[in-house]
């Protein structure tokens, strides 16, 4: 006759669960061991669980971290890259602002400097832009000279060799990663998270690992939210600056339209009033298409010999007086 294994009733499981959640980690293992021995009738079951836990840890391995992006090769002999006008302004003002307000975080400083740049007077902003343009011209000259040197050719060969080696290693690594992925999938089919027995050391370790992961994810999420908030403020300030500039452009367009209309009216009036005043020598009279050149020629004729063209000057004065009325 087989020996029956005693089964814990619901009230004992509930009491055990409350006891486990109230104890520290150092006190959990003895309680779990006692319950498992009572359930199975032998401490050997706990030994099997420990061995199985060790196998599971070996199979699971450590949490995979994201790979860092490798920086591209830097040519130490290359000329220094030029800075934009905005970056030059940021470099000039950042240290001053940090000295004036040391309690302000870096994203807020960047936002404040962006606002300052958008509100900077055009003549002061142009100074930074001119410096950036001169620096860019300097960089292009130095780069053109550097590309003719032996050092540049040597650096180019090095970069090409590294890219060839990287492609070869990438093919091999892809093959190894595919094989490892197939092995992990096969192991995952044999055992999933739902197969972990409750109230065991393995279950507690798994829960703690997930909690640590969640804490890290919450922390990372909070950092990204703070950065997004700072960037959102900066975007809003830039959007306001763009709207103000668009308003200024619309006003200038309106003024240009009025000036153009006034210019056309003036051309028509000059053409009408000077139609009876031919140019000395050529006898040319103005039209709407030639009024500009006609006025230039008339002006040069009068200045070349005023005494000879006194009657023409008197006629021009009469025409101008009629225009003023």
Foldseek 3Di string as FASTA:
>chain_A
DDDDFDDDDPVVVVVLVVVQVPDDPVPLVVSLQVVVCSRVVDSVVLVVVVVVLVVVCVLVDDDDDDDDDDDDDDQPPADDAFDALLVVQCVVCVVVVCVVPVPDDPLLSVLVSLLCLLVPDPVVSVVSRVVRVVRNVVNVVRRVVVCPDPSVVVVVVVNVVVVVVVVVVVVVVVVVVVVVVVVSVVVCVVDPPVPDDPSHPSVVVVVVVVVVVVVVVVVVVVVVVVSVVSVVSSVVSVVVSVVVVVVVVVVVVVVVVVVVVVVLVVLVLQLVLQQVPADPPPRDHDDSVCSVVVVVSNVVVCVVDVVVCVVVVVSVVVSVVVVVD
